[in-house]
Structure formats: structure tokens, C-alpha cells
């Protein structure tokens, strides 16, 4: 890697050191014959590390804040969802109770209808018996009237 920073004659400025990559600094330190540059590079790496750590801490703080906000929103959504579910369950139970009441009413009406059909059937049977009794009485009276009376004379108007 032969960059301007690595091949620069003389001592680079602090801003040049800070803007250079780690690889460039290491390569420059290895090529340099100035012994004071190695301790400087070591201090520079410590400073860069501290700077990177500070940036990372700052980013981690923002990540923690955003994560907390997401968790709070998730909790809120979960709470709202559970409330809506509870309302839906309450509504479903209300509808279920109403349906059970309707089913009981239908069952009672069916029982009453069956009882009425039995009464109607019994009344039909009674009516048939009464009709038979009336027919029997009419036949009996009709026979009785024919036996006890004289034969009727033919009517000339016929």
C-alpha cells in the first residue's frame, strides 16, 4: 500500500494521522526510521480507539433508546390488542348466550307444538267417534221409524 501518507517525507500533521487508516499508520510506522514516531503512533491508536469507543457508546445509546421505544410500542399494541380481544370475546359470549336463549325458546315451542298436535289428534279421534255415534243413532232411528210406521202411500205428485 503506497499512499501519499505512507510515503510522505517529514512528520505528518495530527489531522493527517487522524484521517489516515489504521493500515496506513502501521505501514508508515514500520517504514519510518524516526523512533519517536512509534510511541506517537501508540498514543494515536489509543486516542482513535477512545474516539471509536465514544462513537460506539453514542450509537449504542441511540440504539438503546430506539429499542426502548419499540418495546414500549409493542407493549402498547399488545395491550390494545388484548383489550380488543377481550371486547370481542365478551361480544361473542353475549351472542352465544342469546343464541342459547333462542334455542331454548325454539325447543319450548317445539314441545308446545307437539303437545298441540297430540291434542288435535285426540280431538280428531273424538270427532270420528262422535260422528260414528251420530251415524249409528241416525241409522237406528231410521230403522226404527220404518218398522213402526205404515208403509207410506205413494204421492201422486211424484
C-alpha atoms as a PDB file:
ATOM      1  CA  UNK A   1       0.000   0.000   0.000  1.00  0.00           C
ATOM      2  CA  UNK A   2       1.869   3.044  -1.232  1.00  0.00           C
ATOM      3  CA  UNK A   3      -0.243   6.073  -0.467  1.00  0.00           C
ATOM      4  CA  UNK A   4       0.740   9.684  -0.046  1.00  0.00           C
ATOM      5  CA  UNK A   5       0.514   9.379   3.735  1.00  0.00           C
ATOM      6  CA  UNK A   6       2.809   6.334   3.889  1.00  0.00           C
ATOM      7  CA  UNK A   7       5.455   7.869   1.592  1.00  0.00           C
ATOM      8  CA  UNK A   8       5.302  11.428   2.945  1.00  0.00           C
ATOM      9  CA  UNK A   9       8.664  12.928   3.865  1.00  0.00           C
ATOM     10  CA  UNK A  10       8.765  14.517   7.275  1.00  0.00           C
ATOM     11  CA  UNK A  11       6.284  14.176  10.083  1.00  0.00           C
ATOM     12  CA  UNK A  12       2.597  14.255   9.092  1.00  0.00           C
ATOM     13  CA  UNK A  13       0.237  16.569  10.928  1.00  0.00           C
ATOM     14  CA  UNK A  14      -2.170  15.342  13.576  1.00  0.00           C
ATOM     15  CA  UNK A  15      -5.137  15.763  11.217  1.00  0.00           C
ATOM     16  CA  UNK A  16      -3.341  13.658   8.589  1.00  0.00           C
ATOM     17  CA  UNK A  17      -2.772  10.956  11.180  1.00  0.00           C
ATOM     18  CA  UNK A  18      -6.424  11.062  12.252  1.00  0.00           C
ATOM     19  CA  UNK A  19      -7.706  10.890   8.698  1.00  0.00           C
ATOM     20  CA  UNK A  20      -5.392   8.001   7.745  1.00  0.00           C
ATOM     21  CA  UNK A  21      -6.497   4.377   8.009  1.00  0.00           C
ATOM     22  CA  UNK A  22      -5.000   2.043  10.609  1.00  0.00           C
ATOM     23  CA  UNK A  23      -3.199   0.075   7.902  1.00  0.00           C
ATOM     24  CA  UNK A  24      -1.571   3.235   6.542  1.00  0.00           C
ATOM     25  CA  UNK A  25      -0.399   4.306  10.001  1.00  0.00           C
ATOM     26  CA  UNK A  26       1.059   0.866  10.747  1.00  0.00           C
ATOM     27  CA  UNK A  27       2.845   0.758   7.375  1.00  0.00           C
ATOM     28  CA  UNK A  28       4.248   4.282   7.875  1.00  0.00           C
ATOM     29  CA  UNK A  29       5.447   3.393  11.394  1.00  0.00           C
ATOM     30  CA  UNK A  30       7.174   0.255  10.057  1.00  0.00           C
ATOM     31  CA  UNK A  31       8.933   2.224   7.284  1.00  0.00           C
ATOM     32  CA  UNK A  32       9.833   5.179   9.462  1.00  0.00           C
ATOM     33  CA  UNK A  33      13.325   5.488  10.873  1.00  0.00           C
ATOM     34  CA  UNK A  34      12.220   8.010  13.485  1.00  0.00           C
ATOM     35  CA  UNK A  35      11.980   6.216  16.797  1.00  0.00           C
ATOM     36  CA  UNK A  36       9.707   8.810  18.373  1.00  0.00           C
ATOM     37  CA  UNK A  37       7.023   8.008  15.803  1.00  0.00           C
ATOM     38  CA  UNK A  38       6.299   4.544  17.329  1.00  0.00           C
ATOM     39  CA  UNK A  39       5.254   5.891  20.775  1.00  0.00           C
ATOM     40  CA  UNK A  40       3.251   8.607  18.989  1.00  0.00           C
ATOM     41  CA  UNK A  41       1.500   6.007  16.869  1.00  0.00           C
ATOM     42  CA  UNK A  42       0.724   4.001  20.013  1.00  0.00           C
ATOM     43  CA  UNK A  43      -0.824   7.064  21.654  1.00  0.00           C
ATOM     44  CA  UNK A  44      -2.638   7.823  18.410  1.00  0.00           C
ATOM     45  CA  UNK A  45      -4.121   4.313  18.335  1.00  0.00           C
ATOM     46  CA  UNK A  46      -5.252   4.726  21.932  1.00  0.00           C
ATOM     47  CA  UNK A  47      -6.857   8.071  21.037  1.00  0.00           C
ATOM     48  CA  UNK A  48      -8.522   6.586  17.940  1.00  0.00           C
ATOM     49  CA  UNK A  49      -9.721   3.646  19.994  1.00  0.00           C
ATOM     50  CA  UNK A  50     -11.147   6.006  22.592  1.00  0.00           C
ATOM     51  CA  UNK A  51     -12.794   8.066  19.849  1.00  0.00           C
ATOM     52  CA  UNK A  52     -14.263   4.936  18.242  1.00  0.00           C
ATOM     53  CA  UNK A  53     -15.429   3.724  21.632  1.00  0.00           C
ATOM     54  CA  UNK A  54     -17.089   7.084  22.284  1.00  0.00           C
ATOM     55  CA  UNK A  55     -18.824   6.946  18.889  1.00  0.00           C
ATOM     56  CA  UNK A  56     -19.881   3.360  19.559  1.00  0.00           C
ATOM     57  CA  UNK A  57     -21.211   4.344  23.002  1.00  0.00           C
ATOM     58  CA  UNK A  58     -23.165   7.181  21.459  1.00  0.00           C
ATOM     59  CA  UNK A  59     -24.584   4.842  18.818  1.00  0.00           C
ATOM     60  CA  UNK A  60     -25.401   2.236  21.468  1.00  0.00           C
ATOM     61  CA  UNK A  61     -27.255   4.899  23.463  1.00  0.00           C
ATOM     62  CA  UNK A  62     -29.402   5.710  20.411  1.00  0.00           C
ATOM     63  CA  UNK A  63     -29.919   2.006  19.751  1.00  0.00           C
ATOM     64  CA  UNK A  64     -30.997   1.544  23.380  1.00  0.00           C
ATOM     65  CA  UNK A  65     -33.423   4.485  23.149  1.00  0.00           C
ATOM     66  CA  UNK A  66     -34.908   3.200  19.881  1.00  0.00           C
ATOM     67  CA  UNK A  67     -35.130  -0.338  21.278  1.00  0.00           C
ATOM     68  CA  UNK A  68     -36.918   1.002  24.367  1.00  0.00           C
ATOM     69  CA  UNK A  69     -39.339   2.928  22.153  1.00  0.00           C
ATOM     70  CA  UNK A  70     -40.015  -0.171  20.044  1.00  0.00           C
ATOM     71  CA  UNK A  71     -40.582  -2.228  23.197  1.00  0.00           C
ATOM     72  CA  UNK A  72     -42.975   0.422  24.553  1.00  0.00           C
ATOM     73  CA  UNK A  73     -44.880   0.493  21.262  1.00  0.00           C
ATOM     74  CA  UNK A  74     -45.043  -3.301  21.228  1.00  0.00           C
ATOM     75  CA  UNK A  75     -46.360  -3.303  24.786  1.00  0.00           C
ATOM     76  CA  UNK A  76     -48.926  -0.671  23.868  1.00  0.00           C
ATOM     77  CA  UNK A  77     -50.002  -2.619  20.798  1.00  0.00           C
ATOM     78  CA  UNK A  78     -50.202  -5.806  22.835  1.00  0.00           C
ATOM     79  CA  UNK A  79     -52.308  -4.065  25.482  1.00  0.00           C
ATOM     80  CA  UNK A  80     -54.650  -2.568  22.891  1.00  0.00           C
ATOM     81  CA  UNK A  81     -54.892  -5.909  21.104  1.00  0.00           C
ATOM     82  CA  UNK A  82     -55.694  -7.748  24.334  1.00  0.00           C
ATOM     83  CA  UNK A  83     -58.380  -5.171  25.172  1.00  0.00           C
ATOM     84  CA  UNK A  84     -59.906  -5.580  21.721  1.00  0.00           C
ATOM     85  CA  UNK A  85     -59.740  -9.360  22.072  1.00  0.00           C
ATOM     86  CA  UNK A  86     -61.433  -9.141  25.476  1.00  0.00           C
ATOM     87  CA  UNK A  87     -64.201  -6.982  23.976  1.00  0.00           C
ATOM     88  CA  UNK A  88     -64.635  -9.428  21.093  1.00  0.00           C
ATOM     89  CA  UNK A  89     -64.766 -12.377  23.500  1.00  0.00           C
ATOM     90  CA  UNK A  90     -67.346 -10.521  25.596  1.00  0.00           C
ATOM     91  CA  UNK A  91     -69.406  -9.824  22.469  1.00  0.00           C
ATOM     92  CA  UNK A  92     -69.104 -13.452  21.328  1.00  0.00           C
ATOM     93  CA  UNK A  93     -70.216 -14.678  24.757  1.00  0.00           C
ATOM     94  CA  UNK A  94     -73.175 -12.291  24.654  1.00  0.00           C
ATOM     95  CA  UNK A  95     -74.178 -13.601  21.214  1.00  0.00           C
ATOM     96  CA  UNK A  96     -73.672 -17.181  22.415  1.00  0.00           C
ATOM     97  CA  UNK A  97     -75.939 -16.549  25.432  1.00  0.00           C
ATOM     98  CA  UNK A  98     -78.565 -15.008  23.180  1.00  0.00           C
ATOM     99  CA  UNK A  99     -78.378 -17.997  20.825  1.00  0.00           C
ATOM    100  CA  UNK A 100     -78.734 -20.386  23.764  1.00  0.00           C
ATOM    101  CA  UNK A 101     -81.826 -18.453  24.859  1.00  0.00           C
ATOM    102  CA  UNK A 102     -83.242 -18.647  21.325  1.00  0.00           C
ATOM    103  CA  UNK A 103     -82.515 -22.375  21.176  1.00  0.00           C
ATOM    104  CA  UNK A 104     -84.346 -22.872  24.494  1.00  0.00           C
ATOM    105  CA  UNK A 105     -87.304 -20.885  23.151  1.00  0.00           C
ATOM    106  CA  UNK A 106     -87.345 -22.954  19.956  1.00  0.00           C
ATOM    107  CA  UNK A 107     -87.179 -26.166  21.993  1.00  0.00           C
ATOM    108  CA  UNK A 108     -90.094 -25.000  24.197  1.00  0.00           C
ATOM    109  CA  UNK A 109     -92.117 -24.003  21.126  1.00  0.00           C
ATOM    110  CA  UNK A 110     -91.455 -27.419  19.537  1.00  0.00           C
ATOM    111  CA  UNK A 111     -92.645 -29.128  22.719  1.00  0.00           C
ATOM    112  CA  UNK A 112     -95.796 -26.989  22.749  1.00  0.00           C
ATOM    113  CA  UNK A 113     -96.376 -27.733  19.057  1.00  0.00           C
ATOM    114  CA  UNK A 114     -96.020 -31.469  19.689  1.00  0.00           C
ATOM    115  CA  UNK A 115     -98.453 -31.202  22.612  1.00  0.00           C
ATOM    116  CA  UNK A 116    -100.933 -29.301  20.403  1.00  0.00           C
ATOM    117  CA  UNK A 117    -100.600 -31.883  17.645  1.00  0.00           C
ATOM    118  CA  UNK A 118    -101.389 -34.595  20.190  1.00  0.00           C
ATOM    119  CA  UNK A 119    -104.456 -32.639  21.342  1.00  0.00           C
ATOM    120  CA  UNK A 120    -105.554 -32.117  17.711  1.00  0.00           C
ATOM    121  CA  UNK A 121    -105.095 -35.832  17.008  1.00  0.00           C
ATOM    122  CA  UNK A 122    -107.102 -36.703  20.125  1.00  0.00           C
ATOM    123  CA  UNK A 123    -109.833 -34.262  19.073  1.00  0.00           C
ATOM    124  CA  UNK A 124    -109.919 -35.849  15.592  1.00  0.00           C
ATOM    125  CA  UNK A 125    -110.289 -39.275  17.137  1.00  0.00           C
ATOM    126  CA  UNK A 126    -113.088 -37.953  19.418  1.00  0.00           C
ATOM    127  CA  UNK A 127    -114.803 -36.278  16.452  1.00  0.00           C
ATOM    128  CA  UNK A 128    -114.624 -39.520  14.447  1.00  0.00           C
ATOM    129  CA  UNK A 129    -116.125 -41.420  17.373  1.00  0.00           C
ATOM    130  CA  UNK A 130    -118.857 -38.816  17.773  1.00  0.00           C
ATOM    131  CA  UNK A 131    -119.609 -38.922  14.035  1.00  0.00           C
ATOM    132  CA  UNK A 132    -119.811 -42.701  14.157  1.00  0.00           C
ATOM    133  CA  UNK A 133    -122.096 -42.479  17.161  1.00  0.00           C
ATOM    134  CA  UNK A 134    -124.310 -39.942  15.383  1.00  0.00           C
ATOM    135  CA  UNK A 135    -124.412 -42.088  12.228  1.00  0.00           C
ATOM    136  CA  UNK A 136    -125.269 -45.121  14.315  1.00  0.00           C
ATOM    137  CA  UNK A 137    -128.063 -43.224  16.051  1.00  0.00           C
ATOM    138  CA  UNK A 138    -129.407 -41.948  12.713  1.00  0.00           C
ATOM    139  CA  UNK A 139    -129.389 -45.468  11.274  1.00  0.00           C
ATOM    140  CA  UNK A 140    -131.033 -46.856  14.354  1.00  0.00           C
ATOM    141  CA  UNK A 141    -133.707 -44.184  14.344  1.00  0.00           C
ATOM    142  CA  UNK A 142    -134.216 -44.582  10.652  1.00  0.00           C
ATOM    143  CA  UNK A 143    -134.743 -48.339  11.015  1.00  0.00           C
ATOM    144  CA  UNK A 144    -136.986 -47.823  13.976  1.00  0.00           C
ATOM    145  CA  UNK A 145    -139.109 -45.333  12.073  1.00  0.00           C
ATOM    146  CA  UNK A 146    -139.582 -47.765   9.166  1.00  0.00           C
ATOM    147  CA  UNK A 147    -140.596 -50.687  11.343  1.00  0.00           C
ATOM    148  CA  UNK A 148    -143.134 -48.904  13.448  1.00  0.00           C
ATOM    149  CA  UNK A 149    -144.868 -46.915  10.739  1.00  0.00           C
ATOM    150  CA  UNK A 150    -147.123 -47.951   7.928  1.00  0.00           C
ATOM    151  CA  UNK A 151    -145.786 -48.105   4.504  1.00  0.00           C
ATOM    152  CA  UNK A 152    -146.080 -44.742   3.028  1.00  0.00           C
ATOM    153  CA  UNK A 153    -148.502 -44.159   0.263  1.00  0.00           C
ATOM    154  CA  UNK A 154    -147.199 -43.067  -2.987  1.00  0.00           C
ATOM    155  CA  UNK A 155    -147.749 -39.439  -3.567  1.00  0.00           C
ATOM    156  CA  UNK A 156    -149.439 -38.684  -6.804  1.00  0.00           C
ATOM    157  CA  UNK A 157    -147.489 -35.550  -7.231  1.00  0.00           C
ATOM    158  CA  UNK A 158    -144.372 -37.612  -7.801  1.00  0.00           C
END
